Amino acid sequence: MPITFTIFTKPWKLEIPVLASYVQQLGFGGVELPVRPGYPVNPDNVESALPQAVKQFQEHGLAIASIAGATDERTITACGAAGVPVIRACISIPKDRNYLEYETEAQREYAALIPALAQARVTIGVQNHCGRDVANAMGLRHFLEPFDRKHVAAVWDPAHCALQGEIPELAIDMVWSHLCMVNLKNAYWLRTNGPEAEYALYKHYWTSGRQGLCPWPTVVRLLKERHYSGPVCLTAEYSDTNSVDRLIREDLAFAQSLFATV
């Protein structure tokens, strides 16, 4: 079954018909749509605007495969009514909280949403994310173990795994049982001060698929070996924000070539 490549449209705050036309021209099969303040579909209008957005994307041959938005009953119900199957979310650990205690609290909150998720036939896809988040595949595995993947599943982001030193060959073993979506992007650690400094400082730098720590050819090979058929979302996250449009075209071509040949 051919892979559907989607794009996270966060960099483009365009009206939906304009955005849909642009995504179609790029060559993607669908989108992950931000449902956030400042975007055409937002928490205030999600019930009315999301079904309209689905229709407008469909007119361009595109699907809304997922949204990035709130994981509350209102949004879940709106996604179910509009036929959007996945709400992507990250689990962020507040600075004043213990990791495991907060994880347990978040698990209870998600468990309380299962009746709404089941009724709407919507899945919360939890993505690993660097920083004070559930940051790697093992963290995802531990968080998701109590849940049926129909309700709460994994969005595997191997670039964030790479920033944490986790290799894809082991990471995929950890998330496979709950996997619903894969993110593709890339990054590396960039030193921000010179060698004369008292100690080194680094930040993560988001780059093209060919240039970061995450080996896209390995990730794609592993997915193909396991006959993965879900969405692959290119997140269009680049530290060089002036080059987003060029880089996303190059990365889509790279990803397509890997799935075609690896």
Protein backbone atom coordinates (compact mmCIF):
# COMPACT_ATOMS: atom_id res chain seq x y z
CA MET A 1 0.00 0.00 0.00
CA PRO A 2 1.50 3.38 -1.00
CA ILE A 3 2.58 5.69 1.81
CA THR A 4 0.58 8.88 2.26
CA PHE A 5 2.95 11.79 2.81
CA THR A 6 1.43 14.61 4.83
CA ILE A 7 2.81 17.99 5.83
CA PHE A 8 2.43 19.87 9.10
CA THR A 9 1.22 23.25 7.89
CA LYS A 10 2.33 25.23 10.95
CA PRO A 11 4.67 27.54 8.96
CA TRP A 12 1.86 28.80 6.70
CA LYS A 13 -0.95 30.86 8.26
CA LEU A 14 -2.93 30.93 5.02
CA GLU A 15 -6.66 30.73 4.40
CA ILE A 16 -7.61 27.11 3.84
CA PRO A 17 -8.33 27.24 0.06
CA VAL A 18 -4.96 28.95 -0.54
CA LEU A 19 -3.19 26.51 1.75
CA ALA A 20 -4.82 23.50 0.10
CA SER A 21 -3.76 24.70 -3.34
CA TYR A 22 -0.19 25.21 -2.14
CA VAL A 23 0.03 21.76 -0.50
CA GLN A 24 -1.32 20.18 -3.66
CA GLN A 25 1.36 21.96 -5.71
CA LEU A 26 4.06 20.70 -3.35
CA GLY A 27 2.96 17.12 -4.06
CA PHE A 28 1.72 15.96 -0.66
CA GLY A 29 -1.29 13.71 -0.17
CA GLY A 30 -2.61 15.40 2.94
CA VAL A 31 -1.88 17.58 5.92
CA GLU A 32 -1.57 17.76 9.64
CA LEU A 33 -3.52 20.91 10.42
CA PRO A 34 -2.75 23.15 13.40
CA VAL A 35 -5.94 23.83 15.38
CA ARG A 36 -4.43 26.61 17.43
CA PRO A 37 -5.01 30.31 18.11
CA GLY A 38 -4.11 32.45 15.12
CA TYR A 39 -4.90 29.80 12.50
CA PRO A 40 -8.01 29.59 10.29
CA VAL A 41 -9.19 26.56 12.26
CA ASN A 42 -8.74 27.27 15.95
CA PRO A 43 -10.16 26.24 19.33
CA ASP A 44 -12.92 28.86 19.11
CA ASN A 45 -14.37 27.71 15.78
CA VAL A 46 -13.31 24.07 15.54
CA GLU A 47 -16.84 22.65 15.34
CA SER A 48 -17.77 24.70 12.27
CA ALA A 49 -14.40 25.38 10.64
CA LEU A 50 -12.88 21.88 10.74
CA PRO A 51 -15.57 20.17 8.61
CA GLN A 52 -15.33 23.04 6.13
CA ALA A 53 -11.55 22.67 6.02
CA VAL A 54 -11.88 18.93 5.40
CA LYS A 55 -14.17 19.66 2.44
CA GLN A 56 -11.85 22.33 1.04
CA PHE A 57 -8.83 20.02 1.21
CA GLN A 58 -10.84 17.20 -0.37
CA GLU A 59 -11.61 19.49 -3.30
CA HIS A 60 -7.85 19.48 -3.94
CA GLY A 61 -7.53 15.72 -3.53
CA LEU A 62 -6.09 16.03 -0.02
CA ALA A 63 -6.98 14.64 3.40
CA ILE A 64 -6.58 16.06 6.87
CA ALA A 65 -4.88 13.00 8.33
CA SER A 66 -4.30 14.58 11.73
CA ILE A 67 -4.56 17.80 13.65
CA ALA A 68 -2.25 19.35 16.23
CA GLY A 69 -4.61 20.66 18.85
CA ALA A 70 -6.19 20.26 22.25
CA THR A 71 -7.01 16.82 23.60
CA ASP A 72 -10.35 17.75 25.14
CA GLU A 73 -13.79 16.28 24.54
CA ARG A 74 -14.87 19.23 22.42
CA THR A 75 -11.99 18.80 19.99
CA ILE A 76 -12.34 15.03 19.97
CA THR A 77 -16.03 15.31 19.09
CA ALA A 78 -15.28 17.86 16.37
CA CYS A 79 -12.64 15.58 14.83
CA GLY A 80 -15.04 12.65 14.89
CA ALA A 81 -17.76 14.65 13.18
CA ALA A 82 -15.33 15.89 10.52
CA GLY A 83 -13.71 12.49 9.93
CA VAL A 84 -10.25 13.47 11.18
CA PRO A 85 -8.75 10.33 12.76
CA VAL A 86 -5.81 11.57 14.86
CA ILE A 87 -5.07 14.39 17.30
CA ARG A 88 -1.31 14.67 17.76
CA ALA A 89 -0.11 15.75 21.18
CA CYS A 90 3.04 15.86 23.29
CA ILE A 91 3.31 15.25 27.02
CA SER A 92 5.16 18.23 28.51
CA ILE A 93 6.45 17.91 32.07
CA PRO A 94 6.09 21.16 34.09
CA LYS A 95 9.29 22.43 35.68
CA ASP A 96 8.01 21.94 39.19
CA ARG A 97 6.79 18.37 38.66
CA ASN A 98 8.34 14.95 39.06
CA TYR A 99 8.41 13.07 35.74
CA LEU A 100 6.84 9.80 36.86
CA GLU A 101 4.21 11.47 39.03
CA TYR A 102 3.16 13.73 36.16
CA GLU A 103 3.17 10.83 33.72
CA THR A 104 0.71 8.98 35.96
CA GLU A 105 -1.48 12.07 36.16
CA ALA A 106 -1.46 12.48 32.37
CA GLN A 107 -2.32 8.80 31.91
CA ARG A 108 -5.35 9.27 34.15
CA GLU A 109 -6.44 12.31 32.13
CA TYR A 110 -6.17 10.37 28.86
CA ALA A 111 -7.97 7.35 30.36
CA ALA A 112 -10.89 9.63 31.20
CA LEU A 113 -11.13 10.58 27.52
CA ILE A 114 -11.46 7.01 26.23
CA PRO A 115 -15.30 7.01 26.09
CA ALA A 116 -15.23 10.18 23.97
CA LEU A 117 -12.44 8.79 21.77
CA ALA A 118 -14.28 5.52 21.26
CA GLN A 119 -17.55 7.24 20.38
CA ALA A 120 -15.84 9.63 17.93
CA ARG A 121 -13.49 6.95 16.55
CA VAL A 122 -10.58 9.29 17.10
CA THR A 123 -7.08 8.47 18.34
CA ILE A 124 -4.76 10.65 20.39
CA GLY A 125 -1.30 10.24 18.88
CA VAL A 126 1.39 10.99 21.47
CA GLN A 127 4.64 12.21 19.93
CA ASN A 128 8.04 12.08 21.58
CA HIS A 129 9.62 15.54 21.77
CA CYS A 130 12.94 16.76 23.16
CA GLY A 131 13.15 19.02 26.19
CA ARG A 132 10.88 18.61 29.22
CA ASP A 133 8.64 16.14 27.41
CA VAL A 134 8.23 12.44 26.96
CA ALA A 135 11.31 12.61 24.80
CA ASN A 136 12.14 9.21 23.36
CA ALA A 137 10.69 5.92 22.21
CA MET A 138 11.12 4.22 25.56
CA GLY A 139 9.27 7.10 27.20
CA LEU A 140 6.45 6.68 24.68
CA ARG A 141 6.36 2.94 25.32
CA HIS A 142 6.07 3.42 29.06
CA PHE A 143 3.38 6.07 28.73
CA LEU A 144 1.28 4.09 26.23
CA GLU A 145 1.40 0.64 27.84
CA PRO A 146 -1.97 1.00 29.64
CA PHE A 147 -3.83 2.00 26.46
CA ASP A 148 -5.41 0.30 23.47
CA ARG A 149 -3.75 1.77 20.37
CA LYS A 150 -7.21 2.50 18.95
CA HIS A 151 -7.55 5.22 21.57
CA VAL A 152 -4.05 6.42 22.48
CA ALA A 153 -1.19 5.60 20.13
CA ALA A 154 2.38 6.54 19.24
CA VAL A 155 3.59 9.18 16.82
CA TRP A 156 7.22 8.19 16.39
CA ASP A 157 9.59 11.08 15.75
CA PRO A 158 13.01 9.49 15.12
CA ALA A 159 14.72 12.90 14.87
CA HIS A 160 13.85 13.63 18.48
CA CYS A 161 15.04 10.12 19.33
CA ALA A 162 18.35 10.88 17.61
CA LEU A 163 18.80 14.06 19.64
CA GLN A 164 18.43 11.87 22.74
CA GLY A 165 20.94 9.29 21.47
CA GLU A 166 18.34 6.63 20.65
CA ILE A 167 18.93 4.66 17.44
CA PRO A 168 16.00 3.80 15.12
CA GLU A 169 16.71 0.05 15.12
CA LEU A 170 15.85 -0.11 18.83
CA ALA A 171 13.33 2.72 18.92
CA ILE A 172 10.99 1.07 16.43
CA ASP A 173 10.88 -2.07 18.60
CA MET A 174 9.64 0.05 21.48
CA VAL A 175 6.86 1.88 19.64
CA TRP A 176 5.72 -0.59 16.98
CA SER A 177 2.83 -2.11 18.95
CA HIS A 178 1.19 1.31 19.32
CA LEU A 179 2.39 3.11 16.18
CA CYS A 180 -0.16 5.21 14.28
CA MET A 181 1.99 7.83 12.55
CA VAL A 182 5.62 8.70 11.80
CA ASN A 183 7.17 12.17 11.72
CA LEU A 184 10.13 12.86 9.45
CA LYS A 185 12.45 15.79 10.10
CA ASN A 186 16.08 16.12 11.13
CA ALA A 187 18.36 17.98 13.51
CA TYR A 188 21.78 18.05 15.11
CA TRP A 189 23.37 19.63 18.18
CA LEU A 190 25.01 22.97 17.32
CA ARG A 191 27.59 24.49 19.64
CA THR A 192 26.67 28.07 20.54
CA ASN A 193 29.92 29.23 22.15
CA GLY A 194 33.60 28.93 21.33
CA PRO A 195 36.30 26.57 22.62
CA GLU A 196 37.64 29.29 24.90
CA ALA A 197 34.43 29.19 26.99
CA GLU A 198 34.48 27.78 30.50
CA TYR A 199 32.15 25.00 29.36
CA ALA A 200 30.41 24.14 26.10
CA LEU A 201 26.82 25.12 25.28
CA TYR A 202 24.71 23.51 22.57
CA LYS A 203 21.30 23.93 20.99
CA HIS A 204 19.44 21.74 18.54
CA TYR A 205 19.44 22.96 14.95
CA TRP A 206 16.66 21.80 12.61
CA THR A 207 17.97 20.98 9.16
CA SER A 208 17.08 19.05 6.01
CA GLY A 209 16.47 15.32 5.99
CA ARG A 210 19.90 14.50 4.58
CA GLN A 211 21.93 16.55 7.08
CA GLY A 212 20.91 15.65 10.63
CA LEU A 213 21.58 12.96 13.22
CA CYS A 214 18.58 10.87 12.22
CA PRO A 215 19.38 8.44 9.36
CA TRP A 216 16.29 8.65 7.17
CA PRO A 217 17.38 5.68 4.98
CA THR A 218 17.53 3.48 8.07
CA VAL A 219 14.17 4.69 9.36
CA VAL A 220 12.51 4.03 6.00
CA ARG A 221 14.12 0.60 5.68
CA LEU A 222 12.80 -0.40 9.09
CA LEU A 223 9.30 0.83 8.28
CA LYS A 224 9.27 -1.03 4.97
CA GLU A 225 10.54 -4.24 6.59
CA ARG A 226 7.52 -4.11 8.93
CA HIS A 227 5.10 -3.16 6.13
CA TYR A 228 4.15 0.14 7.72
CA SER A 229 1.24 1.73 5.86
CA GLY A 230 0.25 4.73 8.01
CA PRO A 231 0.87 8.42 7.32
CA VAL A 232 4.37 9.84 7.17
CA CYS A 233 4.26 13.49 8.18
CA LEU A 234 7.03 15.86 7.14
CA THR A 235 6.90 18.53 9.80
CA ALA A 236 8.52 21.41 7.84
CA GLU A 237 10.57 22.37 10.90
CA TYR A 238 13.76 24.19 9.94
CA SER A 239 15.92 26.60 11.91
CA ASP A 240 16.54 28.49 8.65
CA THR A 241 12.97 29.79 8.46
CA ASN A 242 13.69 31.70 5.25
CA SER A 243 14.30 28.41 3.41
CA VAL A 244 11.24 26.41 4.50
CA ASP A 245 9.59 26.32 1.07
CA ARG A 246 12.76 25.12 -0.67
CA LEU A 247 13.73 22.61 2.01
CA ILE A 248 10.31 20.98 2.28
CA ARG A 249 10.28 20.33 -1.47
CA GLU A 250 13.74 18.75 -1.25
CA ASP A 251 12.79 16.66 1.78
CA LEU A 252 9.60 15.34 0.17
CA ALA A 253 11.58 14.27 -2.89
CA PHE A 254 14.17 12.59 -0.64
CA ALA A 255 11.52 10.75 1.39
CA GLN A 256 9.69 9.61 -1.74
CA SER A 257 12.91 8.31 -3.24
CA LEU A 258 13.71 6.32 -0.09
CA PHE A 259 10.32 4.63 0.07
CA ALA A 260 10.59 3.85 -3.62
CA THR A 261 14.06 2.32 -3.51
CA VAL A 262 15.20 1.31 -0.01
